[in-house]
Amino acid sequence: MAAPSMVFTGRYAALRLCVDLIEELAEQMSPEDGCFSIIDSLDETAESVIAFTPWGLDRLNEMLDERRSQLI
């Protein structure tokens, strides 16, 4: 499998999947799941941005489906 050539921000994922709990789900994911933190500064207090590979977006969607099925 080829390495991903792009990632999508958590904001993009929230808009695409129409949900607000992306950060909560991302806490349950790892780089192997296609979830990363991106830091754009050498400053120790710099905030990070959550990013997902295309496969990570698919994994997020699966996690949402699992969560929805538990509510039914």
PDB file of N, CA and C in Angstrom:
ATOM      1  N   MET A   1       0.842  -1.169   0.000  1.00  0.00           N
ATOM      2  CA  MET A   1       0.000   0.000   0.000  1.00  0.00           C
ATOM      3  C   MET A   1       0.892   1.239   0.000  1.00  0.00           C
ATOM      4  N   ALA A   2       0.611   2.175  -0.854  1.00  0.00           N
ATOM      5  CA  ALA A   2       1.392   3.405  -0.953  1.00  0.00           C
ATOM      6  C   ALA A   2       1.093   4.314   0.239  1.00  0.00           C
ATOM      7  N   ALA A   3       2.085   5.079   0.628  1.00  0.00           N
ATOM      8  CA  ALA A   3       1.904   6.045   1.704  1.00  0.00           C
ATOM      9  C   ALA A   3       0.978   7.158   1.233  1.00  0.00           C
ATOM     10  N   PRO A   4       0.181   7.708   2.145  1.00  0.00           N
ATOM     11  CA  PRO A   4      -0.723   8.790   1.742  1.00  0.00           C
ATOM     12  C   PRO A   4       0.066  10.029   1.328  1.00  0.00           C
ATOM     13  N   SER A   5      -0.439  10.734   0.349  1.00  0.00           N
ATOM     14  CA  SER A   5       0.229  11.937  -0.137  1.00  0.00           C
ATOM     15  C   SER A   5      -0.453  13.207   0.355  1.00  0.00           C
ATOM     16  N   MET A   6      -1.557  13.080   1.074  1.00  0.00           N
ATOM     17  CA  MET A   6      -2.241  14.243   1.623  1.00  0.00           C
ATOM     18  C   MET A   6      -2.986  13.846   2.883  1.00  0.00           C
ATOM     19  N   VAL A   7      -3.278  14.851   3.697  1.00  0.00           N
ATOM     20  CA  VAL A   7      -4.086  14.651   4.892  1.00  0.00           C
ATOM     21  C   VAL A   7      -5.169  15.721   4.926  1.00  0.00           C
ATOM     22  N   PHE A   8      -6.191  15.468   5.707  1.00  0.00           N
ATOM     23  CA  PHE A   8      -7.331  16.371   5.827  1.00  0.00           C
ATOM     24  C   PHE A   8      -7.450  16.814   7.280  1.00  0.00           C
ATOM     25  N   THR A   9      -7.750  18.080   7.497  1.00  0.00           N
ATOM     26  CA  THR A   9      -7.859  18.600   8.856  1.00  0.00           C
ATOM     27  C   THR A   9      -9.108  18.069   9.552  1.00  0.00           C
ATOM     28  N   GLY A  10      -9.101  18.181  10.868  1.00  0.00           N
ATOM     29  CA  GLY A  10     -10.277  17.808  11.640  1.00  0.00           C
ATOM     30  C   GLY A  10     -11.485  18.634  11.250  1.00  0.00           C
ATOM     31  N   ARG A  11     -11.269  19.898  10.918  1.00  0.00           N
ATOM     32  CA  ARG A  11     -12.374  20.761  10.471  1.00  0.00           C
ATOM     33  C   ARG A  11     -12.998  20.212   9.193  1.00  0.00           C
ATOM     34  N   TYR A  12     -12.151  19.814   8.249  1.00  0.00           N
ATOM     35  CA  TYR A  12     -12.643  19.219   7.007  1.00  0.00           C
ATOM     36  C   TYR A  12     -13.457  17.956   7.324  1.00  0.00           C
ATOM     37  N   ALA A  13     -12.915  17.112   8.196  1.00  0.00           N
ATOM     38  CA  ALA A  13     -13.606  15.866   8.545  1.00  0.00           C
ATOM     39  C   ALA A  13     -14.967  16.150   9.168  1.00  0.00           C
ATOM     40  N   ALA A  14     -15.029  17.152  10.051  1.00  0.00           N
ATOM     41  CA  ALA A  14     -16.298  17.494  10.700  1.00  0.00           C
ATOM     42  C   ALA A  14     -17.324  17.967   9.678  1.00  0.00           C
ATOM     43  N   LEU A  15     -16.878  18.779   8.725  1.00  0.00           N
ATOM     44  CA  LEU A  15     -17.792  19.261   7.683  1.00  0.00           C
ATOM     45  C   LEU A  15     -18.222  18.121   6.766  1.00  0.00           C
ATOM     46  N   ARG A  16     -17.297  17.269   6.400  1.00  0.00           N
ATOM     47  CA  ARG A  16     -17.609  16.165   5.480  1.00  0.00           C
ATOM     48  C   ARG A  16     -18.557  15.155   6.120  1.00  0.00           C
ATOM     49  N   LEU A  17     -18.330  14.856   7.395  1.00  0.00           N
ATOM     50  CA  LEU A  17     -19.133  13.836   8.068  1.00  0.00           C
ATOM     51  C   LEU A  17     -20.317  14.427   8.827  1.00  0.00           C
ATOM     52  N   CYS A  18     -20.428  15.753   8.824  1.00  0.00           N
ATOM     53  CA  CYS A  18     -21.547  16.450   9.476  1.00  0.00           C
ATOM     54  C   CYS A  18     -21.675  16.112  10.956  1.00  0.00           C
ATOM     55  N   VAL A  19     -20.538  16.102  11.657  1.00  0.00           N
ATOM     56  CA  VAL A  19     -20.548  15.837  13.100  1.00  0.00           C
ATOM     57  C   VAL A  19     -19.584  16.788  13.798  1.00  0.00           C
ATOM     58  N   ASP A  20     -19.824  16.983  15.091  1.00  0.00           N
ATOM     59  CA  ASP A  20     -18.976  17.869  15.880  1.00  0.00           C
ATOM     60  C   ASP A  20     -18.033  17.120  16.822  1.00  0.00           C
ATOM     61  N   LEU A  21     -18.103  15.824  16.881  1.00  0.00           N
ATOM     62  CA  LEU A  21     -17.311  15.088  17.858  1.00  0.00           C
ATOM     63  C   LEU A  21     -16.043  14.471  17.274  1.00  0.00           C
ATOM     64  N   ILE A  22     -15.465  15.110  16.284  1.00  0.00           N
ATOM     65  CA  ILE A  22     -14.264  14.599  15.634  1.00  0.00           C
ATOM     66  C   ILE A  22     -13.110  14.482  16.620  1.00  0.00           C
ATOM     67  N   GLU A  23     -12.901  15.498  17.454  1.00  0.00           N
ATOM     68  CA  GLU A  23     -11.790  15.458  18.401  1.00  0.00           C
ATOM     69  C   GLU A  23     -11.954  14.316  19.394  1.00  0.00           C
ATOM     70  N   GLU A  24     -13.176  14.085  19.841  1.00  0.00           N
ATOM     71  CA  GLU A  24     -13.439  12.980  20.779  1.00  0.00           C
ATOM     72  C   GLU A  24     -13.090  11.636  20.135  1.00  0.00           C
ATOM     73  N   LEU A  25     -13.489  11.445  18.891  1.00  0.00           N
ATOM     74  CA  LEU A  25     -13.178  10.199  18.192  1.00  0.00           C
ATOM     75  C   LEU A  25     -11.683  10.086  17.898  1.00  0.00           C
ATOM     76  N   ALA A  26     -11.053  11.209  17.560  1.00  0.00           N
ATOM     77  CA  ALA A  26      -9.627  11.210  17.234  1.00  0.00           C
ATOM     78  C   ALA A  26      -8.784  10.762  18.420  1.00  0.00           C
ATOM     79  N   GLU A  27      -9.238  11.038  19.631  1.00  0.00           N
ATOM     80  CA  GLU A  27      -8.509  10.612  20.831  1.00  0.00           C
ATOM     81  C   GLU A  27      -8.416   9.091  20.911  1.00  0.00           C
ATOM     82  N   GLN A  28      -9.322   8.396  20.275  1.00  0.00           N
ATOM     83  CA  GLN A  28      -9.343   6.935  20.284  1.00  0.00           C
ATOM     84  C   GLN A  28      -8.537   6.338  19.128  1.00  0.00           C
ATOM     85  N   MET A  29      -7.983   7.203  18.280  1.00  0.00           N
ATOM     86  CA  MET A  29      -7.265   6.741  17.088  1.00  0.00           C
ATOM     87  C   MET A  29      -5.761   6.931  17.258  1.00  0.00           C
ATOM     88  N   SER A  30      -5.011   6.228  16.433  1.00  0.00           N
ATOM     89  CA  SER A  30      -3.550   6.309  16.444  1.00  0.00           C
ATOM     90  C   SER A  30      -3.068   6.582  15.015  1.00  0.00           C
ATOM     91  N   PRO A  31      -1.769   6.802  14.840  1.00  0.00           N
ATOM     92  CA  PRO A  31      -1.263   6.980  13.479  1.00  0.00           C
ATOM     93  C   PRO A  31      -1.571   5.784  12.567  1.00  0.00           C
ATOM     94  N   GLU A  32      -1.616   4.591  13.134  1.00  0.00           N
ATOM     95  CA  GLU A  32      -1.959   3.410  12.337  1.00  0.00           C
ATOM     96  C   GLU A  32      -3.392   3.462  11.836  1.00  0.00           C
ATOM     97  N   ASP A  33      -4.234   4.249  12.516  1.00  0.00           N
ATOM     98  CA  ASP A  33      -5.630   4.441  12.103  1.00  0.00           C
ATOM     99  C   ASP A  33      -5.772   5.603  11.132  1.00  0.00           C
ATOM    100  N   GLY A  34      -4.663   6.277  10.828  1.00  0.00           N
ATOM    101  CA  GLY A  34      -4.713   7.408   9.895  1.00  0.00           C
ATOM    102  C   GLY A  34      -4.992   8.740  10.549  1.00  0.00           C
ATOM    103  N   CYS A  35      -4.632   8.888  11.829  1.00  0.00           N
ATOM    104  CA  CYS A  35      -4.859  10.125  12.567  1.00  0.00           C
ATOM    105  C   CYS A  35      -3.520  10.674  13.063  1.00  0.00           C
ATOM    106  N   PHE A  36      -3.284  11.956  12.810  1.00  0.00           N
ATOM    107  CA  PHE A  36      -2.019  12.585  13.174  1.00  0.00           C
ATOM    108  C   PHE A  36      -2.270  13.952  13.796  1.00  0.00           C
ATOM    109  N   SER A  37      -1.277  14.442  14.516  1.00  0.00           N
ATOM    110  CA  SER A  37      -1.263  15.826  14.990  1.00  0.00           C
ATOM    111  C   SER A  37      -0.223  16.570  14.175  1.00  0.00           C
ATOM    112  N   ILE A  38      -0.580  17.757  13.726  1.00  0.00           N
ATOM    113  CA  ILE A  38       0.337  18.577  12.950  1.00  0.00           C
ATOM    114  C   ILE A  38       0.651  19.825  13.765  1.00  0.00           C
ATOM    115  N   ILE A  39       1.939  20.109  13.909  1.00  0.00           N
ATOM    116  CA  ILE A  39       2.387  21.285  14.640  1.00  0.00           C
ATOM    117  C   ILE A  39       3.133  22.176  13.656  1.00  0.00           C
ATOM    118  N   ASP A  40       2.784  23.446  13.647  1.00  0.00           N
ATOM    119  CA  ASP A  40       3.333  24.379  12.670  1.00  0.00           C
ATOM    120  C   ASP A  40       4.257  25.417  13.311  1.00  0.00           C
ATOM    121  N   SER A  41       4.932  25.025  14.386  1.00  0.00           N
ATOM    122  CA  SER A  41       5.797  25.979  15.061  1.00  0.00           C
ATOM    123  C   SER A  41       6.804  25.237  15.936  1.00  0.00           C
ATOM    124  N   LEU A  42       7.933  25.846  16.171  1.00  0.00           N
ATOM    125  CA  LEU A  42       8.926  25.295  17.092  1.00  0.00           C
ATOM    126  C   LEU A  42       8.631  25.707  18.529  1.00  0.00           C
ATOM    127  N   ASP A  43       7.696  26.602  18.709  1.00  0.00           N
ATOM    128  CA  ASP A  43       7.309  27.077  20.027  1.00  0.00           C
ATOM    129  C   ASP A  43       6.696  25.926  20.824  1.00  0.00           C
ATOM    130  N   GLU A  44       7.163  25.753  22.061  1.00  0.00           N
ATOM    131  CA  GLU A  44       6.661  24.647  22.890  1.00  0.00           C
ATOM    132  C   GLU A  44       5.182  24.779  23.222  1.00  0.00           C
ATOM    133  N   THR A  45       4.649  25.997  23.152  1.00  0.00           N
ATOM    134  CA  THR A  45       3.236  26.203  23.470  1.00  0.00           C
ATOM    135  C   THR A  45       2.347  26.181  22.230  1.00  0.00           C
ATOM    136  N   ALA A  46       2.916  25.824  21.092  1.00  0.00           N
ATOM    137  CA  ALA A  46       2.158  25.807  19.840  1.00  0.00           C
ATOM    138  C   ALA A  46       1.024  24.788  19.919  1.00  0.00           C
ATOM    139  N   GLU A  47      -0.105  25.173  19.390  1.00  0.00           N
ATOM    140  CA  GLU A  47      -1.245  24.263  19.333  1.00  0.00           C
ATOM    141  C   GLU A  47      -1.082  23.328  18.143  1.00  0.00           C
ATOM    142  N   SER A  48      -1.652  22.154  18.276  1.00  0.00           N
ATOM    143  CA  SER A  48      -1.593  21.205  17.165  1.00  0.00           C
ATOM    144  C   SER A  48      -2.949  21.148  16.476  1.00  0.00           C
ATOM    145  N   VAL A  49      -2.927  20.658  15.263  1.00  0.00           N
ATOM    146  CA  VAL A  49      -4.138  20.474  14.466  1.00  0.00           C
ATOM    147  C   VAL A  49      -4.265  18.984  14.175  1.00  0.00           C
ATOM    148  N   ILE A  50      -5.448  18.454  14.333  1.00  0.00           N
ATOM    149  CA  ILE A  50      -5.695  17.046  14.025  1.00  0.00           C
ATOM    150  C   ILE A  50      -5.832  16.898  12.520  1.00  0.00           C
ATOM    151  N   ALA A  51      -5.220  15.836  11.979  1.00  0.00           N
ATOM    152  CA  ALA A  51      -5.312  15.577  10.543  1.00  0.00           C
ATOM    153  C   ALA A  51      -5.531  14.086  10.313  1.00  0.00           C
ATOM    154  N   PHE A  52      -6.213  13.782   9.216  1.00  0.00           N
ATOM    155  CA  PHE A  52      -6.557  12.408   8.879  1.00  0.00           C
ATOM    156  C   PHE A  52      -6.136  12.088   7.452  1.00  0.00           C
ATOM    157  N   THR A  53      -5.644  10.893   7.256  1.00  0.00           N
ATOM    158  CA  THR A  53      -5.385  10.405   5.906  1.00  0.00           C
ATOM    159  C   THR A  53      -6.728  10.013   5.294  1.00  0.00           C
ATOM    160  N   PRO A  54      -6.770   9.751   3.996  1.00  0.00           N
ATOM    161  CA  PRO A  54      -8.035   9.266   3.421  1.00  0.00           C
ATOM    162  C   PRO A  54      -8.550   8.015   4.146  1.00  0.00           C
ATOM    163  N   TRP A  55      -7.639   7.111   4.498  1.00  0.00           N
ATOM    164  CA  TRP A  55      -8.048   5.913   5.239  1.00  0.00           C
ATOM    165  C   TRP A  55      -8.544   6.294   6.626  1.00  0.00           C
ATOM    166  N   GLY A  56      -7.945   7.321   7.229  1.00  0.00           N
ATOM    167  CA  GLY A  56      -8.391   7.797   8.533  1.00  0.00           C
ATOM    168  C   GLY A  56      -9.813   8.327   8.488  1.00  0.00           C
ATOM    169  N   LEU A  57     -10.175   9.010   7.392  1.00  0.00           N
ATOM    170  CA  LEU A  57     -11.557   9.469   7.236  1.00  0.00           C
ATOM    171  C   LEU A  57     -12.520   8.284   7.158  1.00  0.00           C
ATOM    172  N   ASP A  58     -12.110   7.227   6.463  1.00  0.00           N
ATOM    173  CA  ASP A  58     -12.940   6.020   6.392  1.00  0.00           C
ATOM    174  C   ASP A  58     -13.101   5.402   7.779  1.00  0.00           C
ATOM    175  N   ARG A  59     -12.002   5.376   8.537  1.00  0.00           N
ATOM    176  CA  ARG A  59     -12.045   4.817   9.895  1.00  0.00           C
ATOM    177  C   ARG A  59     -12.961   5.656  10.783  1.00  0.00           C
ATOM    178  N   LEU A  60     -12.893   6.967  10.661  1.00  0.00           N
ATOM    179  CA  LEU A  60     -13.796   7.848  11.411  1.00  0.00           C
ATOM    180  C   LEU A  60     -15.252   7.532  11.094  1.00  0.00           C
ATOM    181  N   ASN A  61     -15.547   7.346   9.833  1.00  0.00           N
ATOM    182  CA  ASN A  61     -16.907   7.023   9.419  1.00  0.00           C
ATOM    183  C   ASN A  61     -17.358   5.696  10.029  1.00  0.00           C
ATOM    184  N   GLU A  62     -16.467   4.711  10.073  1.00  0.00           N
ATOM    185  CA  GLU A  62     -16.793   3.433  10.704  1.00  0.00           C
ATOM    186  C   GLU A  62     -17.087   3.623  12.189  1.00  0.00           C
ATOM    187  N   MET A  63     -16.272   4.426  12.853  1.00  0.00           N
ATOM    188  CA  MET A  63     -16.479   4.686  14.276  1.00  0.00           C
ATOM    189  C   MET A  63     -17.810   5.378  14.522  1.00  0.00           C
ATOM    190  N   LEU A  64     -18.182   6.294  13.634  1.00  0.00           N
ATOM    191  CA  LEU A  64     -19.485   6.955  13.748  1.00  0.00           C
ATOM    192  C   LEU A  64     -20.623   5.960  13.559  1.00  0.00           C
ATOM    193  N   ASP A  65     -20.488   5.068  12.590  1.00  0.00           N
ATOM    194  CA  ASP A  65     -21.512   4.036  12.373  1.00  0.00           C
ATOM    195  C   ASP A  65     -21.661   3.153  13.613  1.00  0.00           C
ATOM    196  N   GLU A  66     -20.531   2.779  14.221  1.00  0.00           N
ATOM    197  CA  GLU A  66     -20.571   1.962  15.438  1.00  0.00           C
ATOM    198  C   GLU A  66     -21.292   2.705  16.558  1.00  0.00           C
ATOM    199  N   ARG A  67     -20.974   3.987  16.707  1.00  0.00           N
ATOM    200  CA  ARG A  67     -21.594   4.789  17.753  1.00  0.00           C
ATOM    201  C   ARG A  67     -23.100   4.933  17.509  1.00  0.00           C
ATOM    202  N   ARG A  68     -23.473   5.167  16.269  1.00  0.00           N
ATOM    203  CA  ARG A  68     -24.898   5.299  15.938  1.00  0.00           C
ATOM    204  C   ARG A  68     -25.644   3.996  16.225  1.00  0.00           C
ATOM    205  N   SER A  69     -25.047   2.860  15.907  1.00  0.00           N
ATOM    206  CA  SER A  69     -25.718   1.576  16.125  1.00  0.00           C
ATOM    207  C   SER A  69     -25.890   1.286  17.613  1.00  0.00           C
ATOM    208  N   GLN A  70     -25.031   1.832  18.453  1.00  0.00           N
ATOM    209  CA  GLN A  70     -25.177   1.654  19.899  1.00  0.00           C
ATOM    210  C   GLN A  70     -26.317   2.473  20.451  1.00  0.00           C
ATOM    211  N   LEU A  71     -26.678   3.553  19.770  1.00  0.00           N
ATOM    212  CA  LEU A  71     -27.754   4.430  20.234  1.00  0.00           C
ATOM    213  C   LEU A  71     -29.124   3.897  19.884  1.00  0.00           C
ATOM    214  N   ILE A  72     -29.170   2.964  18.941  1.00  0.00           N
ATOM    215  CA  ILE A  72     -30.476   2.437  18.493  1.00  0.00           C
ATOM    216  C   ILE A  72     -30.943   1.332  19.397  1.00  0.00           C
TER     217      ILE A  72
END
